[in-house]
């Protein structure tokens, strides 16, 4: 389905919404993308398996690098990446620095107040990562204990989740240029919390890392693509794309390549 066909689908959906009395907004983003021939995609370039930039070659890889390229092709637009982060996600979209965020954005109540989301395509629980030599945290029940320092990346969905969960341990927010790995290796924290994709980075590349599995799903969050409010037409285009890749197998192919097929939503 090309851009013009997608636009007709979105227009039909918009007309249907209008008949039901639901407010329909002008296709501001859609019109800009069509006029410029370029779609600006926000990514977090430090997200292993999702949208990671190699520090030496500068090459990007991950499931959402592959799928954003598919999205651009499906609408006949050039692809332009914009570096973002979970901390700057809302500002980058609402201030028009990019047209869509495609880096496995966790759908949370807080973000839903400011953004709109496509249908979800993956989901993940929260996991802990510690060192193999750490004697304080050996299992999940060791995390929320007095004296334990628990790190989370500022702006991620782990921040509010752990703030609400921890009763005894101390929550430590990590902001760039610091990283959770540095804080853990230095001994300034005992464990850091992350999702399944990022945990793979440590397990695949760091011999010192040990995964702390909750044993059962803990604070599972769906992942989707995010856009700013006010353009139902653009969101319909994005929804249509996600539905297509779920049905035609492109999502599964990209997920297997990134070793994330265990968390995709079909």
C-alpha atoms as a PDB file:
ATOM      1  CA  UNK A   1       0.000   0.000   0.000  1.00  0.00           C
ATOM      2  CA  UNK A   2       1.541   3.331  -1.087  1.00  0.00           C
ATOM      3  CA  UNK A   3       1.248   6.761   0.500  1.00  0.00           C
ATOM      4  CA  UNK A   4      -1.734   7.833  -1.574  1.00  0.00           C
ATOM      5  CA  UNK A   5      -3.612   4.635  -0.740  1.00  0.00           C
ATOM      6  CA  UNK A   6      -2.794   5.067   2.933  1.00  0.00           C
ATOM      7  CA  UNK A   7      -4.018   8.643   2.762  1.00  0.00           C
ATOM      8  CA  UNK A   8      -7.335   7.469   1.301  1.00  0.00           C
ATOM      9  CA  UNK A   9      -7.684   4.912   4.091  1.00  0.00           C
ATOM     10  CA  UNK A  10      -6.956   7.584   6.680  1.00  0.00           C
ATOM     11  CA  UNK A  11      -9.393   9.982   5.050  1.00  0.00           C
ATOM     12  CA  UNK A  12     -12.115   7.345   5.110  1.00  0.00           C
ATOM     13  CA  UNK A  13     -11.397   6.644   8.783  1.00  0.00           C
ATOM     14  CA  UNK A  14     -11.524  10.353   9.503  1.00  0.00           C
ATOM     15  CA  UNK A  15     -14.875  10.672   7.803  1.00  0.00           C
ATOM     16  CA  UNK A  16     -16.182   7.783   9.864  1.00  0.00           C
ATOM     17  CA  UNK A  17     -14.991   9.465  13.044  1.00  0.00           C
ATOM     18  CA  UNK A  18     -16.692  12.688  12.015  1.00  0.00           C
ATOM     19  CA  UNK A  19     -20.000  10.887  11.580  1.00  0.00           C
ATOM     20  CA  UNK A  20     -19.746   9.545  15.120  1.00  0.00           C
ATOM     21  CA  UNK A  21     -19.172  12.999  16.549  1.00  0.00           C
ATOM     22  CA  UNK A  22     -15.551  12.350  17.572  1.00  0.00           C
ATOM     23  CA  UNK A  23     -13.376  15.437  16.894  1.00  0.00           C
ATOM     24  CA  UNK A  24     -11.253  15.125  13.742  1.00  0.00           C
ATOM     25  CA  UNK A  25      -8.113  17.210  13.424  1.00  0.00           C
ATOM     26  CA  UNK A  26      -6.384  18.494  10.329  1.00  0.00           C
ATOM     27  CA  UNK A  27      -3.595  16.290   8.991  1.00  0.00           C
ATOM     28  CA  UNK A  28      -0.811  18.742   9.834  1.00  0.00           C
ATOM     29  CA  UNK A  29       1.961  16.160  10.103  1.00  0.00           C
ATOM     30  CA  UNK A  30       0.633  14.141   7.191  1.00  0.00           C
ATOM     31  CA  UNK A  31       0.557  17.233   4.993  1.00  0.00           C
ATOM     32  CA  UNK A  32       4.094  18.221   5.992  1.00  0.00           C
ATOM     33  CA  UNK A  33       5.485  14.760   5.294  1.00  0.00           C
ATOM     34  CA  UNK A  34       3.710  14.650   1.941  1.00  0.00           C
ATOM     35  CA  UNK A  35       4.943  18.142   0.993  1.00  0.00           C
ATOM     36  CA  UNK A  36       8.551  17.597   2.056  1.00  0.00           C
ATOM     37  CA  UNK A  37       8.813  13.958   1.005  1.00  0.00           C
ATOM     38  CA  UNK A  38      10.678  13.286   4.260  1.00  0.00           C
ATOM     39  CA  UNK A  39       9.596  11.582   7.467  1.00  0.00           C
ATOM     40  CA  UNK A  40      11.591  12.549  10.571  1.00  0.00           C
ATOM     41  CA  UNK A  41      11.892   9.634  12.978  1.00  0.00           C
ATOM     42  CA  UNK A  42      13.050  10.137  16.560  1.00  0.00           C
ATOM     43  CA  UNK A  43      15.226   7.342  17.956  1.00  0.00           C
ATOM     44  CA  UNK A  44      17.203   6.730  21.121  1.00  0.00           C
ATOM     45  CA  UNK A  45      20.572   5.724  19.640  1.00  0.00           C
ATOM     46  CA  UNK A  46      21.690   3.831  22.746  1.00  0.00           C
ATOM     47  CA  UNK A  47      18.899   1.242  22.765  1.00  0.00           C
ATOM     48  CA  UNK A  48      20.370  -2.201  22.148  1.00  0.00           C
ATOM     49  CA  UNK A  49      18.321  -4.313  19.761  1.00  0.00           C
ATOM     50  CA  UNK A  50      16.019  -1.366  19.094  1.00  0.00           C
ATOM     51  CA  UNK A  51      17.891   1.640  17.673  1.00  0.00           C
ATOM     52  CA  UNK A  52      21.582   1.354  18.531  1.00  0.00           C
ATOM     53  CA  UNK A  53      24.322   3.456  16.931  1.00  0.00           C
ATOM     54  CA  UNK A  54      27.719   1.794  16.717  1.00  0.00           C
ATOM     55  CA  UNK A  55      30.239   4.091  18.403  1.00  0.00           C
ATOM     56  CA  UNK A  56      32.945   3.294  15.833  1.00  0.00           C
ATOM     57  CA  UNK A  57      31.138   3.079  12.510  1.00  0.00           C
ATOM     58  CA  UNK A  58      28.136   5.255  13.321  1.00  0.00           C
ATOM     59  CA  UNK A  59      25.911   2.595  11.770  1.00  0.00           C
ATOM     60  CA  UNK A  60      22.429   2.135  13.242  1.00  0.00           C
ATOM     61  CA  UNK A  61      20.909  -1.265  13.919  1.00  0.00           C
ATOM     62  CA  UNK A  62      17.904  -2.781  15.661  1.00  0.00           C
ATOM     63  CA  UNK A  63      14.314  -3.707  15.117  1.00  0.00           C
ATOM     64  CA  UNK A  64      13.074  -0.113  14.862  1.00  0.00           C
ATOM     65  CA  UNK A  65      15.819   0.869  12.454  1.00  0.00           C
ATOM     66  CA  UNK A  66      14.588  -1.876  10.134  1.00  0.00           C
ATOM     67  CA  UNK A  67      10.911  -1.084  10.712  1.00  0.00           C
ATOM     68  CA  UNK A  68      11.284   2.691  10.378  1.00  0.00           C
ATOM     69  CA  UNK A  69      12.887   2.061   6.980  1.00  0.00           C
ATOM     70  CA  UNK A  70       9.886  -0.116   6.091  1.00  0.00           C
ATOM     71  CA  UNK A  71       7.530   2.646   7.233  1.00  0.00           C
ATOM     72  CA  UNK A  72       9.299   5.277   5.132  1.00  0.00           C
ATOM     73  CA  UNK A  73       9.173   3.002   2.098  1.00  0.00           C
ATOM     74  CA  UNK A  74       5.498   2.259   2.645  1.00  0.00           C
ATOM     75  CA  UNK A  75       4.591   5.951   2.442  1.00  0.00           C
ATOM     76  CA  UNK A  76       7.116   6.796  -0.279  1.00  0.00           C
ATOM     77  CA  UNK A  77       9.128   9.187   1.908  1.00  0.00           C
ATOM     78  CA  UNK A  78      12.815   9.729   2.615  1.00  0.00           C
ATOM     79  CA  UNK A  79      13.906   8.757   6.109  1.00  0.00           C
ATOM     80  CA  UNK A  80      15.626  11.209   8.445  1.00  0.00           C
ATOM     81  CA  UNK A  81      16.663  10.114  11.942  1.00  0.00           C
ATOM     82  CA  UNK A  82      16.600  12.540  14.861  1.00  0.00           C
ATOM     83  CA  UNK A  83      18.482  11.633  18.040  1.00  0.00           C
ATOM     84  CA  UNK A  84      16.152  11.652  21.039  1.00  0.00           C
ATOM     85  CA  UNK A  85      15.776   9.986  24.436  1.00  0.00           C
ATOM     86  CA  UNK A  86      13.019   8.974  26.776  1.00  0.00           C
ATOM     87  CA  UNK A  87      13.642  12.085  28.845  1.00  0.00           C
ATOM     88  CA  UNK A  88      13.186  14.397  25.819  1.00  0.00           C
ATOM     89  CA  UNK A  89      10.557  12.274  24.047  1.00  0.00           C
ATOM     90  CA  UNK A  90       7.547  14.514  24.740  1.00  0.00           C
ATOM     91  CA  UNK A  91       9.339  17.757  23.863  1.00  0.00           C
ATOM     92  CA  UNK A  92      10.820  16.333  20.680  1.00  0.00           C
ATOM     93  CA  UNK A  93       7.377  15.365  19.395  1.00  0.00           C
ATOM     94  CA  UNK A  94       5.266  18.255  20.629  1.00  0.00           C
ATOM     95  CA  UNK A  95       7.826  20.839  19.480  1.00  0.00           C
ATOM     96  CA  UNK A  96       7.969  19.246  16.007  1.00  0.00           C
ATOM     97  CA  UNK A  97      11.574  18.091  16.089  1.00  0.00           C
ATOM     98  CA  UNK A  98      10.340  14.811  14.639  1.00  0.00           C
ATOM     99  CA  UNK A  99       7.157  13.379  13.168  1.00  0.00           C
ATOM    100  CA  UNK A 100       7.115  10.072  15.027  1.00  0.00           C
ATOM    101  CA  UNK A 101       9.142   8.339  17.743  1.00  0.00           C
ATOM    102  CA  UNK A 102      10.069   4.811  16.744  1.00  0.00           C
ATOM    103  CA  UNK A 103      12.212   3.377  19.537  1.00  0.00           C
ATOM    104  CA  UNK A 104      10.005   0.964  21.497  1.00  0.00           C
ATOM    105  CA  UNK A 105       8.214   3.621  23.512  1.00  0.00           C
ATOM    106  CA  UNK A 106       6.537   2.181  26.603  1.00  0.00           C
ATOM    107  CA  UNK A 107       2.875   3.162  26.787  1.00  0.00           C
ATOM    108  CA  UNK A 108       2.355   4.682  30.238  1.00  0.00           C
ATOM    109  CA  UNK A 109      -0.402   6.790  31.763  1.00  0.00           C
ATOM    110  CA  UNK A 110       1.973   9.713  32.189  1.00  0.00           C
ATOM    111  CA  UNK A 111       3.060   9.692  28.543  1.00  0.00           C
ATOM    112  CA  UNK A 112      -0.518   9.185  27.358  1.00  0.00           C
ATOM    113  CA  UNK A 113      -1.380  12.576  28.846  1.00  0.00           C
ATOM    114  CA  UNK A 114       0.907  14.267  26.329  1.00  0.00           C
ATOM    115  CA  UNK A 115       1.213  11.864  23.395  1.00  0.00           C
ATOM    116  CA  UNK A 116      -0.765   9.463  21.234  1.00  0.00           C
ATOM    117  CA  UNK A 117       0.300   5.893  20.525  1.00  0.00           C
ATOM    118  CA  UNK A 118      -0.024   3.426  17.696  1.00  0.00           C
ATOM    119  CA  UNK A 119      -1.277  -0.072  18.329  1.00  0.00           C
ATOM    120  CA  UNK A 120       1.406  -1.911  20.364  1.00  0.00           C
ATOM    121  CA  UNK A 121       3.855  -4.269  18.683  1.00  0.00           C
ATOM    122  CA  UNK A 122       6.001  -5.516  21.615  1.00  0.00           C
ATOM    123  CA  UNK A 123       5.827  -5.708  25.406  1.00  0.00           C
ATOM    124  CA  UNK A 124       8.315  -6.277  28.188  1.00  0.00           C
ATOM    125  CA  UNK A 125       8.519  -6.794  31.925  1.00  0.00           C
ATOM    126  CA  UNK A 126      11.119  -5.132  34.136  1.00  0.00           C
ATOM    127  CA  UNK A 127      14.313  -7.057  34.935  1.00  0.00           C
ATOM    128  CA  UNK A 128      17.253  -6.378  37.216  1.00  0.00           C
ATOM    129  CA  UNK A 129      20.907  -6.419  36.209  1.00  0.00           C
ATOM    130  CA  UNK A 130      23.731  -6.748  38.718  1.00  0.00           C
ATOM    131  CA  UNK A 131      27.304  -8.026  38.683  1.00  0.00           C
ATOM    132  CA  UNK A 132      28.277 -11.647  39.063  1.00  0.00           C
ATOM    133  CA  UNK A 133      30.335 -10.726  42.130  1.00  0.00           C
ATOM    134  CA  UNK A 134      27.622  -8.713  43.903  1.00  0.00           C
ATOM    135  CA  UNK A 135      26.748 -10.389  47.217  1.00  0.00           C
ATOM    136  CA  UNK A 136      23.946  -7.983  48.167  1.00  0.00           C
ATOM    137  CA  UNK A 137      21.534  -8.732  45.318  1.00  0.00           C
ATOM    138  CA  UNK A 138      21.393 -12.392  44.343  1.00  0.00           C
ATOM    139  CA  UNK A 139      17.674 -12.779  43.633  1.00  0.00           C
ATOM    140  CA  UNK A 140      14.619 -10.601  43.013  1.00  0.00           C
ATOM    141  CA  UNK A 141      13.562 -10.457  46.673  1.00  0.00           C
ATOM    142  CA  UNK A 142      16.952  -8.968  47.561  1.00  0.00           C
ATOM    143  CA  UNK A 143      16.269  -5.772  45.622  1.00  0.00           C
ATOM    144  CA  UNK A 144      13.814  -3.934  47.867  1.00  0.00           C
ATOM    145  CA  UNK A 145      15.866  -4.141  51.037  1.00  0.00           C
ATOM    146  CA  UNK A 146      17.336  -1.432  53.322  1.00  0.00           C
ATOM    147  CA  UNK A 147      20.685  -0.168  52.088  1.00  0.00           C
ATOM    148  CA  UNK A 148      20.258  -1.437  48.530  1.00  0.00           C
ATOM    149  CA  UNK A 149      20.727   1.227  45.848  1.00  0.00           C
ATOM    150  CA  UNK A 150      18.590   0.638  42.759  1.00  0.00           C
ATOM    151  CA  UNK A 151      19.361   2.567  39.558  1.00  0.00           C
ATOM    152  CA  UNK A 152      16.952   3.450  36.753  1.00  0.00           C
ATOM    153  CA  UNK A 153      17.460   5.498  33.618  1.00  0.00           C
ATOM    154  CA  UNK A 154      15.691   8.842  34.049  1.00  0.00           C
ATOM    155  CA  UNK A 155      12.672   9.202  31.796  1.00  0.00           C
ATOM    156  CA  UNK A 156      12.119   5.484  31.197  1.00  0.00           C
ATOM    157  CA  UNK A 157       8.966   3.695  32.336  1.00  0.00           C
ATOM    158  CA  UNK A 158      11.123   1.991  34.969  1.00  0.00           C
ATOM    159  CA  UNK A 159      11.392   5.295  36.872  1.00  0.00           C
ATOM    160  CA  UNK A 160       7.732   5.655  37.979  1.00  0.00           C
ATOM    161  CA  UNK A 161       7.320   1.885  38.270  1.00  0.00           C
ATOM    162  CA  UNK A 162      10.180   1.479  40.723  1.00  0.00           C
ATOM    163  CA  UNK A 163       9.352   4.709  42.562  1.00  0.00           C
ATOM    164  CA  UNK A 164       5.937   3.227  43.320  1.00  0.00           C
ATOM    165  CA  UNK A 165       7.293  -0.244  44.120  1.00  0.00           C
ATOM    166  CA  UNK A 166      10.335   0.321  46.320  1.00  0.00           C
ATOM    167  CA  UNK A 167       9.573   0.650  50.022  1.00  0.00           C
ATOM    168  CA  UNK A 168      12.974   0.021  51.584  1.00  0.00           C
ATOM    169  CA  UNK A 169      15.674   0.378  48.926  1.00  0.00           C
ATOM    170  CA  UNK A 170      16.989   3.712  47.620  1.00  0.00           C
ATOM    171  CA  UNK A 171      16.076   4.714  44.061  1.00  0.00           C
ATOM    172  CA  UNK A 172      18.904   6.321  42.061  1.00  0.00           C
ATOM    173  CA  UNK A 173      18.079   8.236  38.855  1.00  0.00           C
ATOM    174  CA  UNK A 174      20.801   8.033  36.213  1.00  0.00           C
ATOM    175  CA  UNK A 175      21.048  10.844  33.674  1.00  0.00           C
ATOM    176  CA  UNK A 176      23.460  11.267  30.737  1.00  0.00           C
ATOM    177  CA  UNK A 177      26.397  11.370  30.453  1.00  0.00           C
ATOM    178  CA  UNK A 178      26.335   8.795  33.259  1.00  0.00           C
ATOM    179  CA  UNK A 179      25.114   5.293  32.417  1.00  0.00           C
ATOM    180  CA  UNK A 180      23.566   2.569  34.530  1.00  0.00           C
ATOM    181  CA  UNK A 181      26.421   0.235  33.641  1.00  0.00           C
ATOM    182  CA  UNK A 182      29.008   2.716  34.902  1.00  0.00           C
ATOM    183  CA  UNK A 183      27.145   3.223  38.153  1.00  0.00           C
ATOM    184  CA  UNK A 184      26.856  -0.524  38.657  1.00  0.00           C
ATOM    185  CA  UNK A 185      30.460  -1.377  37.781  1.00  0.00           C
ATOM    186  CA  UNK A 186      31.736   1.421  40.030  1.00  0.00           C
ATOM    187  CA  UNK A 187      29.788   0.013  42.970  1.00  0.00           C
ATOM    188  CA  UNK A 188      27.725   3.173  43.431  1.00  0.00           C
ATOM    189  CA  UNK A 189      24.573   1.105  42.919  1.00  0.00           C
ATOM    190  CA  UNK A 190      23.831  -2.561  43.563  1.00  0.00           C
ATOM    191  CA  UNK A 191      21.454  -3.239  40.690  1.00  0.00           C
ATOM    192  CA  UNK A 192      19.792  -1.408  37.859  1.00  0.00           C
ATOM    193  CA  UNK A 193      16.368  -1.990  36.377  1.00  0.00           C
ATOM    194  CA  UNK A 194      15.772  -2.341  32.680  1.00  0.00           C
ATOM    195  CA  UNK A 195      13.602  -4.051  30.084  1.00  0.00           C
ATOM    196  CA  UNK A 196      14.177  -7.209  28.065  1.00  0.00           C
ATOM    197  CA  UNK A 197      15.825  -5.573  25.008  1.00  0.00           C
ATOM    198  CA  UNK A 198      18.348  -3.584  27.019  1.00  0.00           C
ATOM    199  CA  UNK A 199      19.131  -6.539  29.275  1.00  0.00           C
ATOM    200  CA  UNK A 200      20.259  -8.398  26.157  1.00  0.00           C
ATOM    201  CA  UNK A 201      22.981  -5.804  25.660  1.00  0.00           C
ATOM    202  CA  UNK A 202      24.634  -6.772  28.921  1.00  0.00           C
ATOM    203  CA  UNK A 203      24.085 -10.498  28.594  1.00  0.00           C
ATOM    204  CA  UNK A 204      25.446 -10.510  25.039  1.00  0.00           C
ATOM    205  CA  UNK A 205      28.449  -8.281  25.665  1.00  0.00           C
ATOM    206  CA  UNK A 206      29.408  -8.126  29.335  1.00  0.00           C
ATOM    207  CA  UNK A 207      30.792 -11.176  31.092  1.00  0.00           C
ATOM    208  CA  UNK A 208      30.435  -9.455  34.458  1.00  0.00           C
ATOM    209  CA  UNK A 209      26.651  -8.987  34.145  1.00  0.00           C
ATOM    210  CA  UNK A 210      24.020 -11.185  35.765  1.00  0.00           C
ATOM    211  CA  UNK A 211      20.280 -10.999  35.095  1.00  0.00           C
ATOM    212  CA  UNK A 212      17.798 -10.881  37.975  1.00  0.00           C
ATOM    213  CA  UNK A 213      14.567 -12.349  36.674  1.00  0.00           C
ATOM    214  CA  UNK A 214      11.383 -11.473  38.592  1.00  0.00           C
ATOM    215  CA  UNK A 215      10.134 -15.026  38.088  1.00  0.00           C
ATOM    216  CA  UNK A 216       6.796 -13.798  36.790  1.00  0.00           C
ATOM    217  CA  UNK A 217       5.808 -10.753  34.703  1.00  0.00           C
ATOM    218  CA  UNK A 218       6.553  -7.596  36.661  1.00  0.00           C
ATOM    219  CA  UNK A 219       5.056  -4.326  35.499  1.00  0.00           C
ATOM    220  CA  UNK A 220       4.683  -5.505  31.914  1.00  0.00           C
ATOM    221  CA  UNK A 221       4.344  -2.553  29.552  1.00  0.00           C
ATOM    222  CA  UNK A 222       3.314  -2.536  25.872  1.00  0.00           C
ATOM    223  CA  UNK A 223       5.614  -0.797  23.381  1.00  0.00           C
ATOM    224  CA  UNK A 224       4.285   1.339  20.549  1.00  0.00           C
ATOM    225  CA  UNK A 225       5.203   4.256  18.304  1.00  0.00           C
ATOM    226  CA  UNK A 226       4.413   7.744  19.575  1.00  0.00           C
ATOM    227  CA  UNK A 227       3.144  10.910  17.891  1.00  0.00           C
ATOM    228  CA  UNK A 228       1.944  14.267  19.130  1.00  0.00           C
ATOM    229  CA  UNK A 229      -1.812  14.810  19.631  1.00  0.00           C
ATOM    230  CA  UNK A 230      -3.944  16.615  17.101  1.00  0.00           C
ATOM    231  CA  UNK A 231      -3.453  14.658  13.891  1.00  0.00           C
ATOM    232  CA  UNK A 232      -5.766  11.673  13.705  1.00  0.00           C
ATOM    233  CA  UNK A 233      -4.862  11.149  10.057  1.00  0.00           C
ATOM    234  CA  UNK A 234      -1.178  10.645  10.819  1.00  0.00           C
ATOM    235  CA  UNK A 235      -1.938   8.253  13.676  1.00  0.00           C
ATOM    236  CA  UNK A 236      -4.202   6.236  11.374  1.00  0.00           C
ATOM    237  CA  UNK A 237      -1.360   5.905   8.879  1.00  0.00           C
ATOM    238  CA  UNK A 238       0.939   4.643  11.609  1.00  0.00           C
ATOM    239  CA  UNK A 239      -1.680   2.245  12.971  1.00  0.00           C
ATOM    240  CA  UNK A 240      -2.214   0.859   9.490  1.00  0.00           C
ATOM    241  CA  UNK A 241       1.496   0.250   9.095  1.00  0.00           C
ATOM    242  CA  UNK A 242       1.802  -1.612  12.418  1.00  0.00           C
ATOM    243  CA  UNK A 243      -1.204  -3.755  11.554  1.00  0.00           C
ATOM    244  CA  UNK A 244       0.328  -4.601   8.178  1.00  0.00           C
ATOM    245  CA  UNK A 245       3.728  -5.670   9.535  1.00  0.00           C
ATOM    246  CA  UNK A 246       2.047  -7.812  12.178  1.00  0.00           C
ATOM    247  CA  UNK A 247      -0.033  -9.559   9.531  1.00  0.00           C
ATOM    248  CA  UNK A 248       2.489  -9.915   6.710  1.00  0.00           C
ATOM    249  CA  UNK A 249       5.388 -11.180   8.838  1.00  0.00           C
ATOM    250  CA  UNK A 250       7.744  -8.201   8.578  1.00  0.00           C
ATOM    251  CA  UNK A 251       7.524  -7.602  12.320  1.00  0.00           C
ATOM    252  CA  UNK A 252       8.513 -11.193  13.074  1.00  0.00           C
ATOM    253  CA  UNK A 253      11.401 -11.069  10.589  1.00  0.00           C
ATOM    254  CA  UNK A 254      12.789  -7.854  12.111  1.00  0.00           C
ATOM    255  CA  UNK A 255      12.268  -9.191  15.649  1.00  0.00           C
ATOM    256  CA  UNK A 256      14.103 -12.445  14.930  1.00  0.00           C
ATOM    257  CA  UNK A 257      17.014 -10.487  13.458  1.00  0.00           C
ATOM    258  CA  UNK A 258      17.219  -8.445  16.680  1.00  0.00           C
ATOM    259  CA  UNK A 259      16.599 -11.539  18.883  1.00  0.00           C
ATOM    260  CA  UNK A 260      13.398  -9.986  20.228  1.00  0.00           C
ATOM    261  CA  UNK A 261      10.817 -12.352  18.762  1.00  0.00           C
ATOM    262  CA  UNK A 262       9.876 -13.592  22.247  1.00  0.00           C
ATOM    263  CA  UNK A 263       8.314 -10.204  23.137  1.00  0.00           C
ATOM    264  CA  UNK A 264       6.478  -9.178  19.951  1.00  0.00           C
ATOM    265  CA  UNK A 265       2.702  -8.761  19.897  1.00  0.00           C
ATOM    266  CA  UNK A 266       0.946 -10.341  16.933  1.00  0.00           C
END
